[in-house]
């Protein structure tokens, strides 16, 4: 679902970009009716993009809230990061969040952090 939302935002942004490139030509030709239609279409696209981005942020917030409620979290050492498979086997149900992902940025993480129900 995340990829579909990203793809939809990208598609709408591309359409908006195309309309922005058409605008100077219509301004120069003085076609007011086509220009008005173009501006209305741009407004619709901007509104839809903002709505989709809001939905995406809301989903991230819910996910961040769930992780923050887990009773145990700590930074993952470089050694553990190198052997993530054994870490995930040792601590079943661990969720690892990287600070450069959208979720990690939202949570304000500074280093790779693991969240779990039990200590690991």
PDB file of N, CA and C in Angstrom:
ATOM      1  N   UNK A   1       0.830  -1.205   0.000  1.00  0.00           N
ATOM      2  CA  UNK A   1       0.000   0.000   0.000  1.00  0.00           C
ATOM      3  C   UNK A   1       0.862   1.251   0.000  1.00  0.00           C
ATOM      4  N   UNK A   2       1.981   1.219   0.734  1.00  0.00           N
ATOM      5  CA  UNK A   2       2.853   2.388   0.791  1.00  0.00           C
ATOM      6  C   UNK A   2       3.375   2.746  -0.591  1.00  0.00           C
ATOM      7  N   UNK A   3       3.744   1.713  -1.361  1.00  0.00           N
ATOM      8  CA  UNK A   3       4.294   1.942  -2.694  1.00  0.00           C
ATOM      9  C   UNK A   3       3.231   2.536  -3.615  1.00  0.00           C
ATOM     10  N   UNK A   4       1.988   2.089  -3.464  1.00  0.00           N
ATOM     11  CA  UNK A   4       0.911   2.635  -4.286  1.00  0.00           C
ATOM     12  C   UNK A   4       0.706   4.113  -3.981  1.00  0.00           C
ATOM     13  N   UNK A   5       0.742   4.471  -2.704  1.00  0.00           N
ATOM     14  CA  UNK A   5       0.572   5.873  -2.330  1.00  0.00           C
ATOM     15  C   UNK A   5       1.713   6.716  -2.871  1.00  0.00           C
ATOM     16  N   UNK A   6       2.942   6.190  -2.742  1.00  0.00           N
ATOM     17  CA  UNK A   6       4.098   6.910  -3.264  1.00  0.00           C
ATOM     18  C   UNK A   6       3.986   7.089  -4.767  1.00  0.00           C
ATOM     19  N   UNK A   7       3.586   6.029  -5.459  1.00  0.00           N
ATOM     20  CA  UNK A   7       3.451   6.085  -6.911  1.00  0.00           C
ATOM     21  C   UNK A   7       2.369   7.077  -7.319  1.00  0.00           C
ATOM     22  N   UNK A   8       1.277   7.106  -6.580  1.00  0.00           N
ATOM     23  CA  UNK A   8       0.187   8.035  -6.887  1.00  0.00           C
ATOM     24  C   UNK A   8       0.627   9.481  -6.663  1.00  0.00           C
ATOM     25  N   UNK A   9       1.336   9.739  -5.560  1.00  0.00           N
ATOM     26  CA  UNK A   9       1.850  11.089  -5.297  1.00  0.00           C
ATOM     27  C   UNK A   9       2.811  11.495  -6.412  1.00  0.00           C
ATOM     28  N   UNK A  10       3.667  10.574  -6.823  1.00  0.00           N
ATOM     29  CA  UNK A  10       4.628  10.851  -7.898  1.00  0.00           C
ATOM     30  C   UNK A  10       3.905  11.149  -9.208  1.00  0.00           C
ATOM     31  N   UNK A  11       2.887  10.358  -9.521  1.00  0.00           N
ATOM     32  CA  UNK A  11       2.130  10.558 -10.767  1.00  0.00           C
ATOM     33  C   UNK A  11       1.451  11.921 -10.782  1.00  0.00           C
ATOM     34  N   UNK A  12       0.821  12.276  -9.669  1.00  0.00           N
ATOM     35  CA  UNK A  12       0.147  13.572  -9.583  1.00  0.00           C
ATOM     36  C   UNK A  12       1.151  14.724  -9.638  1.00  0.00           C
ATOM     37  N   UNK A  13       2.306  14.532  -9.014  1.00  0.00           N
ATOM     38  CA  UNK A  13       3.340  15.564  -9.052  1.00  0.00           C
ATOM     39  C   UNK A  13       3.854  15.762 -10.469  1.00  0.00           C
ATOM     40  N   UNK A  14       3.988  14.671 -11.205  1.00  0.00           N
ATOM     41  CA  UNK A  14       4.411  14.762 -12.601  1.00  0.00           C
ATOM     42  C   UNK A  14       3.378  15.511 -13.443  1.00  0.00           C
ATOM     43  N   UNK A  15       2.097  15.228 -13.200  1.00  0.00           N
ATOM     44  CA  UNK A  15       1.033  15.943 -13.919  1.00  0.00           C
ATOM     45  C   UNK A  15       1.076  17.433 -13.594  1.00  0.00           C
ATOM     46  N   UNK A  16       1.288  17.750 -12.321  1.00  0.00           N
ATOM     47  CA  UNK A  16       1.359  19.140 -11.894  1.00  0.00           C
ATOM     48  C   UNK A  16       2.536  19.836 -12.564  1.00  0.00           C
ATOM     49  N   UNK A  17       3.655  19.142 -12.640  1.00  0.00           N
ATOM     50  CA  UNK A  17       4.839  19.687 -13.286  1.00  0.00           C
ATOM     51  C   UNK A  17       4.562  19.970 -14.765  1.00  0.00           C
ATOM     52  N   UNK A  18       3.872  19.056 -15.432  1.00  0.00           N
ATOM     53  CA  UNK A  18       3.525  19.249 -16.844  1.00  0.00           C
ATOM     54  C   UNK A  18       2.632  20.471 -17.015  1.00  0.00           C
ATOM     55  N   UNK A  19       1.673  20.643 -16.121  1.00  0.00           N
ATOM     56  CA  UNK A  19       0.796  21.815 -16.190  1.00  0.00           C
ATOM     57  C   UNK A  19       1.579  23.105 -15.950  1.00  0.00           C
ATOM     58  N   UNK A  20       2.542  23.051 -15.028  1.00  0.00           N
ATOM     59  CA  UNK A  20       3.361  24.235 -14.763  1.00  0.00           C
ATOM     60  C   UNK A  20       4.175  24.633 -15.994  1.00  0.00           C
ATOM     61  N   UNK A  21       4.574  23.636 -16.798  1.00  0.00           N
ATOM     62  CA  UNK A  21       5.331  23.932 -18.013  1.00  0.00           C
ATOM     63  C   UNK A  21       4.439  24.492 -19.122  1.00  0.00           C
ATOM     64  N   UNK A  22       3.153  24.161 -19.112  1.00  0.00           N
ATOM     65  CA  UNK A  22       2.208  24.674 -20.113  1.00  0.00           C
ATOM     66  C   UNK A  22       1.792  26.116 -19.828  1.00  0.00           C
ATOM     67  N   UNK A  23       1.805  26.476 -18.552  1.00  0.00           N
ATOM     68  CA  UNK A  23       1.279  27.775 -18.127  1.00  0.00           C
ATOM     69  C   UNK A  23       1.921  28.969 -18.837  1.00  0.00           C
ATOM     70  N   UNK A  24       3.253  29.074 -18.921  1.00  0.00           N
ATOM     71  CA  UNK A  24       3.840  30.251 -19.598  1.00  0.00           C
ATOM     72  C   UNK A  24       3.394  30.393 -21.047  1.00  0.00           C
ATOM     73  N   UNK A  25       3.220  29.276 -21.750  1.00  0.00           N
ATOM     74  CA  UNK A  25       2.758  29.324 -23.140  1.00  0.00           C
ATOM     75  C   UNK A  25       1.354  29.877 -23.252  1.00  0.00           C
ATOM     76  N   UNK A  26       0.492  29.465 -22.335  1.00  0.00           N
ATOM     77  CA  UNK A  26      -0.886  29.972 -22.356  1.00  0.00           C
ATOM     78  C   UNK A  26      -0.945  31.444 -21.959  1.00  0.00           C
ATOM     79  N   UNK A  27      -0.080  31.838 -21.028  1.00  0.00           N
ATOM     80  CA  UNK A  27      -0.030  33.260 -20.642  1.00  0.00           C
ATOM     81  C   UNK A  27       0.400  34.108 -21.836  1.00  0.00           C
ATOM     82  N   UNK A  28       1.387  33.634 -22.574  1.00  0.00           N
ATOM     83  CA  UNK A  28       1.897  34.389 -23.727  1.00  0.00           C
ATOM     84  C   UNK A  28       0.860  34.466 -24.842  1.00  0.00           C
ATOM     85  N   UNK A  29       0.091  33.401 -25.049  1.00  0.00           N
ATOM     86  CA  UNK A  29      -0.900  33.393 -26.129  1.00  0.00           C
ATOM     87  C   UNK A  29      -2.163  34.155 -25.742  1.00  0.00           C
ATOM     88  N   UNK A  30      -2.384  34.346 -24.454  1.00  0.00           N
ATOM     89  CA  UNK A  30      -3.532  35.124 -23.993  1.00  0.00           C
ATOM     90  C   UNK A  30      -4.845  34.365 -24.038  1.00  0.00           C
ATOM     91  N   UNK A  31      -4.815  33.073 -24.038  1.00  0.00           N
ATOM     92  CA  UNK A  31      -6.039  32.270 -24.057  1.00  0.00           C
ATOM     93  C   UNK A  31      -6.563  32.130 -22.630  1.00  0.00           C
ATOM     94  N   UNK A  32      -7.428  33.034 -22.226  1.00  0.00           N
ATOM     95  CA  UNK A  32      -7.912  33.114 -20.848  1.00  0.00           C
ATOM     96  C   UNK A  32      -8.717  31.879 -20.446  1.00  0.00           C
ATOM     97  N   UNK A  33      -9.536  31.363 -21.368  1.00  0.00           N
ATOM     98  CA  UNK A  33     -10.387  30.223 -21.031  1.00  0.00           C
ATOM     99  C   UNK A  33      -9.542  28.985 -20.726  1.00  0.00           C
ATOM    100  N   UNK A  34      -8.564  28.706 -21.571  1.00  0.00           N
ATOM    101  CA  UNK A  34      -7.685  27.551 -21.347  1.00  0.00           C
ATOM    102  C   UNK A  34      -6.824  27.756 -20.110  1.00  0.00           C
ATOM    103  N   UNK A  35      -6.407  28.998 -19.867  1.00  0.00           N
ATOM    104  CA  UNK A  35      -5.592  29.300 -18.690  1.00  0.00           C
ATOM    105  C   UNK A  35      -6.392  29.069 -17.410  1.00  0.00           C
ATOM    106  N   UNK A  36      -7.656  29.500 -17.395  1.00  0.00           N
ATOM    107  CA  UNK A  36      -8.522  29.281 -16.238  1.00  0.00           C
ATOM    108  C   UNK A  36      -8.724  27.802 -15.963  1.00  0.00           C
ATOM    109  N   UNK A  37      -8.912  27.032 -17.028  1.00  0.00           N
ATOM    110  CA  UNK A  37      -9.075  25.579 -16.894  1.00  0.00           C
ATOM    111  C   UNK A  37      -7.800  24.952 -16.335  1.00  0.00           C
ATOM    112  N   UNK A  38      -6.659  25.412 -16.829  1.00  0.00           N
ATOM    113  CA  UNK A  38      -5.368  24.905 -16.364  1.00  0.00           C
ATOM    114  C   UNK A  38      -5.168  25.201 -14.879  1.00  0.00           C
ATOM    115  N   UNK A  39      -5.520  26.413 -14.458  1.00  0.00           N
ATOM    116  CA  UNK A  39      -5.356  26.794 -13.049  1.00  0.00           C
ATOM    117  C   UNK A  39      -6.278  25.980 -12.140  1.00  0.00           C
ATOM    118  N   UNK A  40      -7.497  25.708 -12.602  1.00  0.00           N
ATOM    119  CA  UNK A  40      -8.423  24.881 -11.811  1.00  0.00           C
ATOM    120  C   UNK A  40      -7.867  23.459 -11.677  1.00  0.00           C
ATOM    121  N   UNK A  41      -7.324  22.936 -12.770  1.00  0.00           N
ATOM    122  CA  UNK A  41      -6.742  21.589 -12.741  1.00  0.00           C
ATOM    123  C   UNK A  41      -5.546  21.547 -11.792  1.00  0.00           C
ATOM    124  N   UNK A  42      -4.718  22.595 -11.814  1.00  0.00           N
ATOM    125  CA  UNK A  42      -3.564  22.669 -10.912  1.00  0.00           C
ATOM    126  C   UNK A  42      -4.018  22.665  -9.457  1.00  0.00           C
ATOM    127  N   UNK A  43      -5.058  23.433  -9.152  1.00  0.00           N
ATOM    128  CA  UNK A  43      -5.575  23.484  -7.780  1.00  0.00           C
ATOM    129  C   UNK A  43      -6.066  22.112  -7.322  1.00  0.00           C
ATOM    130  N   UNK A  44      -6.755  21.383  -8.220  1.00  0.00           N
ATOM    131  CA  UNK A  44      -7.242  20.041  -7.873  1.00  0.00           C
ATOM    132  C   UNK A  44      -6.069  19.115  -7.581  1.00  0.00           C
ATOM    133  N   UNK A  45      -5.036  19.182  -8.431  1.00  0.00           N
ATOM    134  CA  UNK A  45      -3.878  18.313  -8.233  1.00  0.00           C
ATOM    135  C   UNK A  45      -3.157  18.627  -6.931  1.00  0.00           C
ATOM    136  N   UNK A  46      -2.976  19.895  -6.635  1.00  0.00           N
ATOM    137  CA  UNK A  46      -2.293  20.310  -5.403  1.00  0.00           C
ATOM    138  C   UNK A  46      -3.076  19.817  -4.191  1.00  0.00           C
ATOM    139  N   UNK A  47      -4.392  19.969  -4.243  1.00  0.00           N
ATOM    140  CA  UNK A  47      -5.253  19.539  -3.132  1.00  0.00           C
ATOM    141  C   UNK A  47      -5.147  18.024  -2.914  1.00  0.00           C
ATOM    142  N   UNK A  48      -5.162  17.255  -4.006  1.00  0.00           N
ATOM    143  CA  UNK A  48      -5.087  15.794  -3.902  1.00  0.00           C
ATOM    144  C   UNK A  48      -3.716  15.347  -3.388  1.00  0.00           C
ATOM    145  N   UNK A  49      -2.656  15.983  -3.843  1.00  0.00           N
ATOM    146  CA  UNK A  49      -1.312  15.656  -3.375  1.00  0.00           C
ATOM    147  C   UNK A  49      -1.200  15.896  -1.876  1.00  0.00           C
ATOM    148  N   UNK A  50      -1.701  17.023  -1.413  1.00  0.00           N
ATOM    149  CA  UNK A  50      -1.662  17.339   0.018  1.00  0.00           C
ATOM    150  C   UNK A  50      -2.465  16.324   0.833  1.00  0.00           C
ATOM    151  N   UNK A  51      -3.617  15.901   0.295  1.00  0.00           N
ATOM    152  CA  UNK A  51      -4.446  14.919   0.993  1.00  0.00           C
ATOM    153  C   UNK A  51      -3.697  13.594   1.121  1.00  0.00           C
ATOM    154  N   UNK A  52      -3.084  13.151   0.027  1.00  0.00           N
ATOM    155  CA  UNK A  52      -2.347  11.884   0.059  1.00  0.00           C
ATOM    156  C   UNK A  52      -1.151  11.952   0.999  1.00  0.00           C
ATOM    157  N   UNK A  53      -0.465  13.076   1.013  1.00  0.00           N
ATOM    158  CA  UNK A  53       0.672  13.228   1.925  1.00  0.00           C
ATOM    159  C   UNK A  53       0.196  13.206   3.372  1.00  0.00           C
ATOM    160  N   UNK A  54      -0.950  13.798   3.639  1.00  0.00           N
ATOM    161  CA  UNK A  54      -1.523  13.782   4.988  1.00  0.00           C
ATOM    162  C   UNK A  54      -1.865  12.379   5.433  1.00  0.00           C
ATOM    163  N   UNK A  55      -2.437  11.584   4.538  1.00  0.00           N
ATOM    164  CA  UNK A  55      -2.771  10.189   4.839  1.00  0.00           C
ATOM    165  C   UNK A  55      -1.501   9.421   5.150  1.00  0.00           C
ATOM    166  N   UNK A  56      -0.461   9.657   4.370  1.00  0.00           N
ATOM    167  CA  UNK A  56       0.816   8.953   4.559  1.00  0.00           C
ATOM    168  C   UNK A  56       1.427   9.288   5.924  1.00  0.00           C
ATOM    169  N   UNK A  57       1.417  10.571   6.271  1.00  0.00           N
ATOM    170  CA  UNK A  57       1.970  11.005   7.561  1.00  0.00           C
ATOM    171  C   UNK A  57       1.168  10.418   8.713  1.00  0.00           C
ATOM    172  N   UNK A  58      -0.153  10.377   8.550  1.00  0.00           N
ATOM    173  CA  UNK A  58      -1.010   9.829   9.606  1.00  0.00           C
ATOM    174  C   UNK A  58      -0.702   8.351   9.833  1.00  0.00           C
ATOM    175  N   UNK A  59      -0.490   7.597   8.754  1.00  0.00           N
ATOM    176  CA  UNK A  59      -0.146   6.183   8.891  1.00  0.00           C
ATOM    177  C   UNK A  59       1.205   6.025   9.572  1.00  0.00           C
ATOM    178  N   UNK A  60       2.159   6.885   9.223  1.00  0.00           N
ATOM    179  CA  UNK A  60       3.471   6.827   9.866  1.00  0.00           C
ATOM    180  C   UNK A  60       3.341   7.131  11.352  1.00  0.00           C
ATOM    181  N   UNK A  61       2.513   8.103  11.693  1.00  0.00           N
ATOM    182  CA  UNK A  61       2.334   8.473  13.096  1.00  0.00           C
ATOM    183  C   UNK A  61       1.764   7.312  13.896  1.00  0.00           C
ATOM    184  N   UNK A  62       0.805   6.603  13.314  1.00  0.00           N
ATOM    185  CA  UNK A  62       0.224   5.451  14.007  1.00  0.00           C
ATOM    186  C   UNK A  62       1.280   4.384  14.241  1.00  0.00           C
ATOM    187  N   UNK A  63       2.096   4.133  13.218  1.00  0.00           N
ATOM    188  CA  UNK A  63       3.139   3.112  13.333  1.00  0.00           C
ATOM    189  C   UNK A  63       4.180   3.523  14.377  1.00  0.00           C
ATOM    190  N   UNK A  64       4.555   4.808  14.371  1.00  0.00           N
ATOM    191  CA  UNK A  64       5.521   5.304  15.347  1.00  0.00           C
ATOM    192  C   UNK A  64       4.964   5.177  16.762  1.00  0.00           C
ATOM    193  N   UNK A  65       3.696   5.470  16.921  1.00  0.00           N
ATOM    194  CA  UNK A  65       3.054   5.370  18.236  1.00  0.00           C
ATOM    195  C   UNK A  65       3.059   3.930  18.740  1.00  0.00           C
ATOM    196  N   UNK A  66       2.780   2.976  17.846  1.00  0.00           N
ATOM    197  CA  UNK A  66       2.801   1.556  18.236  1.00  0.00           C
ATOM    198  C   UNK A  66       4.194   1.148  18.698  1.00  0.00           C
ATOM    199  N   UNK A  67       5.219   1.580  17.970  1.00  0.00           N
ATOM    200  CA  UNK A  67       6.585   1.214  18.337  1.00  0.00           C
ATOM    201  C   UNK A  67       6.988   1.839  19.662  1.00  0.00           C
ATOM    202  N   UNK A  68       6.588   3.079  19.878  1.00  0.00           N
ATOM    203  CA  UNK A  68       6.959   3.768  21.117  1.00  0.00           C
ATOM    204  C   UNK A  68       6.308   3.104  22.330  1.00  0.00           C
ATOM    205  N   UNK A  69       5.189   2.441  22.118  1.00  0.00           N
ATOM    206  CA  UNK A  69       4.496   1.782  23.232  1.00  0.00           C
ATOM    207  C   UNK A  69       5.115   0.436  23.599  1.00  0.00           C
ATOM    208  N   UNK A  70       5.973  -0.097  22.732  1.00  0.00           N
ATOM    209  CA  UNK A  70       6.625  -1.366  23.072  1.00  0.00           C
ATOM    210  C   UNK A  70       7.519  -1.141  24.286  1.00  0.00           C
ATOM    211  N   UNK A  71       7.544  -2.085  25.218  1.00  0.00           N
ATOM    212  CA  UNK A  71       8.225  -1.878  26.497  1.00  0.00           C
ATOM    213  C   UNK A  71       9.747  -1.772  26.427  1.00  0.00           C
ATOM    214  N   UNK A  72      10.367  -2.274  25.358  1.00  0.00           N
ATOM    215  CA  UNK A  72      11.822  -2.265  25.346  1.00  0.00           C
ATOM    216  C   UNK A  72      12.358  -1.729  24.024  1.00  0.00           C
ATOM    217  N   UNK A  73      13.332  -0.833  24.117  1.00  0.00           N
ATOM    218  CA  UNK A  73      13.994  -0.333  22.912  1.00  0.00           C
ATOM    219  C   UNK A  73      15.421   0.056  23.265  1.00  0.00           C
ATOM    220  N   UNK A  74      16.311  -0.121  22.299  1.00  0.00           N
ATOM    221  CA  UNK A  74      17.695   0.313  22.486  1.00  0.00           C
ATOM    222  C   UNK A  74      18.363   0.428  21.126  1.00  0.00           C
ATOM    223  N   UNK A  75      19.490   1.126  21.109  1.00  0.00           N
ATOM    224  CA  UNK A  75      20.260   1.280  19.880  1.00  0.00           C
ATOM    225  C   UNK A  75      20.873  -0.063  19.491  1.00  0.00           C
ATOM    226  N   UNK A  76      20.970  -0.295  18.212  1.00  0.00           N
ATOM    227  CA  UNK A  76      21.565  -1.525  17.698  1.00  0.00           C
ATOM    228  C   UNK A  76      23.036  -1.245  17.383  1.00  0.00           C
ATOM    229  N   UNK A  77      23.933  -2.054  17.959  1.00  0.00           N
ATOM    230  CA  UNK A  77      25.371  -1.837  17.741  1.00  0.00           C
ATOM    231  C   UNK A  77      25.748  -2.194  16.308  1.00  0.00           C
ATOM    232  N   UNK A  78      26.913  -1.721  15.879  1.00  0.00           N
ATOM    233  CA  UNK A  78      27.404  -2.013  14.524  1.00  0.00           C
ATOM    234  C   UNK A  78      27.562  -3.518  14.312  1.00  0.00           C
ATOM    235  N   UNK A  79      28.032  -4.209  15.339  1.00  0.00           N
ATOM    236  CA  UNK A  79      28.229  -5.657  15.255  1.00  0.00           C
ATOM    237  C   UNK A  79      26.882  -6.355  15.038  1.00  0.00           C
ATOM    238  N   UNK A  80      25.853  -5.909  15.778  1.00  0.00           N
ATOM    239  CA  UNK A  80      24.516  -6.487  15.627  1.00  0.00           C
ATOM    240  C   UNK A  80      23.932  -6.151  14.252  1.00  0.00           C
ATOM    241  N   UNK A  81      24.212  -4.946  13.773  1.00  0.00           N
ATOM    242  CA  UNK A  81      23.719  -4.551  12.450  1.00  0.00           C
ATOM    243  C   UNK A  81      24.325  -5.431  11.361  1.00  0.00           C
ATOM    244  N   UNK A  82      25.594  -5.816  11.553  1.00  0.00           N
ATOM    245  CA  UNK A  82      26.270  -6.644  10.568  1.00  0.00           C
ATOM    246  C   UNK A  82      25.661  -8.047  10.501  1.00  0.00           C
ATOM    247  N   UNK A  83      25.135  -8.521  11.611  1.00  0.00           N
ATOM    248  CA  UNK A  83      24.545  -9.858  11.648  1.00  0.00           C
ATOM    249  C   UNK A  83      23.079  -9.758  12.086  1.00  0.00           C
ATOM    250  N   UNK A  84      22.297  -9.050  11.284  1.00  0.00           N
ATOM    251  CA  UNK A  84      20.902  -8.771  11.620  1.00  0.00           C
ATOM    252  C   UNK A  84      20.075 -10.058  11.711  1.00  0.00           C
ATOM    253  N   UNK A  85      20.412 -11.055  10.906  1.00  0.00           N
ATOM    254  CA  UNK A  85      19.662 -12.310  10.925  1.00  0.00           C
ATOM    255  C   UNK A  85      19.679 -12.978  12.279  1.00  0.00           C
ATOM    256  N   UNK A  86      20.852 -13.075  12.898  1.00  0.00           N
ATOM    257  CA  UNK A  86      20.924 -13.735  14.206  1.00  0.00           C
ATOM    258  C   UNK A  86      20.249 -12.878  15.280  1.00  0.00           C
ATOM    259  N   UNK A  87      20.309 -11.562  15.133  1.00  0.00           N
ATOM    260  CA  UNK A  87      19.622 -10.680  16.084  1.00  0.00           C
ATOM    261  C   UNK A  87      18.118 -10.906  16.021  1.00  0.00           C
ATOM    262  N   UNK A  88      17.590 -10.997  14.810  1.00  0.00           N
ATOM    263  CA  UNK A  88      16.145 -11.205  14.662  1.00  0.00           C
ATOM    264  C   UNK A  88      15.710 -12.594  15.135  1.00  0.00           C
ATOM    265  N   UNK A  89      16.595 -13.579  15.026  1.00  0.00           N
ATOM    266  CA  UNK A  89      16.280 -14.913  15.549  1.00  0.00           C
ATOM    267  C   UNK A  89      16.311 -14.912  17.069  1.00  0.00           C
ATOM    268  N   UNK A  90      17.273 -14.199  17.644  1.00  0.00           N
ATOM    269  CA  UNK A  90      17.418 -14.152  19.097  1.00  0.00           C
ATOM    270  C   UNK A  90      16.288 -13.360  19.755  1.00  0.00           C
ATOM    271  N   UNK A  91      15.891 -12.292  19.130  1.00  0.00           N
ATOM    272  CA  UNK A  91      14.833 -11.431  19.683  1.00  0.00           C
ATOM    273  C   UNK A  91      13.643 -11.462  18.729  1.00  0.00           C
ATOM    274  N   UNK A  92      12.805 -12.465  18.899  1.00  0.00           N
ATOM    275  CA  UNK A  92      11.626 -12.599  18.038  1.00  0.00           C
ATOM    276  C   UNK A  92      10.723 -11.377  18.196  1.00  0.00           C
ATOM    277  N   UNK A  93      10.216 -10.906  17.070  1.00  0.00           N
ATOM    278  CA  UNK A  93       9.292  -9.780  17.108  1.00  0.00           C
ATOM    279  C   UNK A  93       9.962  -8.427  17.169  1.00  0.00           C
ATOM    280  N   UNK A  94      11.285  -8.381  17.021  1.00  0.00           N
ATOM    281  CA  UNK A  94      11.991  -7.101  17.063  1.00  0.00           C
ATOM    282  C   UNK A  94      11.698  -6.314  15.782  1.00  0.00           C
ATOM    283  N   UNK A  95      11.530  -5.004  15.939  1.00  0.00           N
ATOM    284  CA  UNK A  95      11.347  -4.115  14.805  1.00  0.00           C
ATOM    285  C   UNK A  95      12.528  -3.157  14.816  1.00  0.00           C
ATOM    286  N   UNK A  96      13.277  -3.142  13.726  1.00  0.00           N
ATOM    287  CA  UNK A  96      14.456  -2.291  13.630  1.00  0.00           C
ATOM    288  C   UNK A  96      14.115  -1.093  12.756  1.00  0.00           C
ATOM    289  N   UNK A  97      14.399   0.123  13.265  1.00  0.00           N
ATOM    290  CA  UNK A  97      14.093   1.348  12.539  1.00  0.00           C
ATOM    291  C   UNK A  97      15.384   2.117  12.296  1.00  0.00           C
ATOM    292  N   UNK A  98      15.632   2.440  11.035  1.00  0.00           N
ATOM    293  CA  UNK A  98      16.823   3.209  10.660  1.00  0.00           C
ATOM    294  C   UNK A  98      16.464   4.699  10.713  1.00  0.00           C
ATOM    295  N   UNK A  99      17.376   5.561  11.182  1.00  0.00           N
ATOM    296  CA  UNK A  99      17.053   6.984  11.319  1.00  0.00           C
ATOM    297  C   UNK A  99      16.826   7.715   9.999  1.00  0.00           C
ATOM    298  N   UNK A 100      17.274   7.157   8.883  1.00  0.00           N
ATOM    299  CA  UNK A 100      17.112   7.840   7.607  1.00  0.00           C
ATOM    300  C   UNK A 100      15.820   7.471   6.885  1.00  0.00           C
ATOM    301  N   UNK A 101      15.041   6.542   7.421  1.00  0.00           N
ATOM    302  CA  UNK A 101      13.742   6.229   6.823  1.00  0.00           C
ATOM    303  C   UNK A 101      12.732   7.278   7.268  1.00  0.00           C
ATOM    304  N   UNK A 102      11.607   7.322   6.574  1.00  0.00           N
ATOM    305  CA  UNK A 102      10.569   8.294   6.926  1.00  0.00           C
ATOM    306  C   UNK A 102      10.117   8.101   8.374  1.00  0.00           C
ATOM    307  N   UNK A 103       9.960   6.847   8.767  1.00  0.00           N
ATOM    308  CA  UNK A 103       9.539   6.544  10.139  1.00  0.00           C
ATOM    309  C   UNK A 103      10.600   6.980  11.138  1.00  0.00           C
ATOM    310  N   UNK A 104      11.857   6.693  10.839  1.00  0.00           N
ATOM    311  CA  UNK A 104      12.956   7.086  11.726  1.00  0.00           C
ATOM    312  C   UNK A 104      13.081   8.593  11.864  1.00  0.00           C
ATOM    313  N   UNK A 105      12.896   9.315  10.764  1.00  0.00           N
ATOM    314  CA  UNK A 105      12.961  10.788  10.826  1.00  0.00           C
ATOM    315  C   UNK A 105      11.818  11.334  11.663  1.00  0.00           C
ATOM    316  N   UNK A 106      10.629  10.754  11.474  1.00  0.00           N
ATOM    317  CA  UNK A 106       9.473  11.219  12.238  1.00  0.00           C
ATOM    318  C   UNK A 106       9.663  10.988  13.731  1.00  0.00           C
ATOM    319  N   UNK A 107      10.269   9.845  14.065  1.00  0.00           N
ATOM    320  CA  UNK A 107      10.479   9.507  15.474  1.00  0.00           C
ATOM    321  C   UNK A 107      11.663  10.277  16.062  1.00  0.00           C
ATOM    322  N   UNK A 108      12.439  10.927  15.216  1.00  0.00           N
ATOM    323  CA  UNK A 108      13.590  11.703  15.691  1.00  0.00           C
ATOM    324  C   UNK A 108      14.758  10.831  16.129  1.00  0.00           C
ATOM    325  N   UNK A 109      14.917   9.686  15.526  1.00  0.00           N
ATOM    326  CA  UNK A 109      16.001   8.781  15.901  1.00  0.00           C
ATOM    327  C   UNK A 109      17.339   9.294  15.393  1.00  0.00           C
ATOM    328  N   UNK A 110      18.384   9.043  16.176  1.00  0.00           N
ATOM    329  CA  UNK A 110      19.734   9.437  15.791  1.00  0.00           C
ATOM    330  C   UNK A 110      20.563   8.238  15.353  1.00  0.00           C
ATOM    331  N   UNK A 111      20.151   7.033  15.759  1.00  0.00           N
ATOM    332  CA  UNK A 111      20.881   5.820  15.401  1.00  0.00           C
ATOM    333  C   UNK A 111      19.894   4.688  15.174  1.00  0.00           C
ATOM    334  N   UNK A 112      20.377   3.630  14.548  1.00  0.00           N
ATOM    335  CA  UNK A 112      19.522   2.468  14.276  1.00  0.00           C
ATOM    336  C   UNK A 112      19.035   1.922  15.622  1.00  0.00           C
ATOM    337  N   UNK A 113      17.732   1.789  15.748  1.00  0.00           N
ATOM    338  CA  UNK A 113      17.123   1.415  17.023  1.00  0.00           C
ATOM    339  C   UNK A 113      16.203   0.213  16.841  1.00  0.00           C
ATOM    340  N   UNK A 114      16.238  -0.670  17.829  1.00  0.00           N
ATOM    341  CA  UNK A 114      15.359  -1.833  17.819  1.00  0.00           C
ATOM    342  C   UNK A 114      14.275  -1.682  18.876  1.00  0.00           C
ATOM    343  N   UNK A 115      13.082  -2.099  18.550  1.00  0.00           N
ATOM    344  CA  UNK A 115      11.943  -2.054  19.457  1.00  0.00           C
ATOM    345  C   UNK A 115      11.401  -3.469  19.596  1.00  0.00           C
ATOM    346  N   UNK A 116      11.139  -3.893  20.825  1.00  0.00           N
ATOM    347  CA  UNK A 116      10.644  -5.248  21.052  1.00  0.00           C
ATOM    348  C   UNK A 116       9.813  -5.317  22.335  1.00  0.00           C
ATOM    349  N   UNK A 117       9.092  -6.432  22.478  1.00  0.00           N
ATOM    350  CA  UNK A 117       8.287  -6.644  23.695  1.00  0.00           C
ATOM    351  C   UNK A 117       9.141  -7.101  24.847  1.00  0.00           C
ATOM    352  N   UNK A 118      10.247  -7.815  24.531  1.00  0.00           N
ATOM    353  CA  UNK A 118      11.136  -8.329  25.577  1.00  0.00           C
ATOM    354  C   UNK A 118      12.528  -7.763  25.375  1.00  0.00           C
ATOM    355  N   UNK A 119      13.310  -7.727  26.455  1.00  0.00           N
ATOM    356  CA  UNK A 119      14.686  -7.238  26.370  1.00  0.00           C
ATOM    357  C   UNK A 119      15.513  -8.102  25.414  1.00  0.00           C
ATOM    358  N   UNK A 120      16.402  -7.464  24.695  1.00  0.00           N
ATOM    359  CA  UNK A 120      17.284  -8.198  23.784  1.00  0.00           C
ATOM    360  C   UNK A 120      18.703  -7.702  23.912  1.00  0.00           C
TER     361      UNK A 120
END
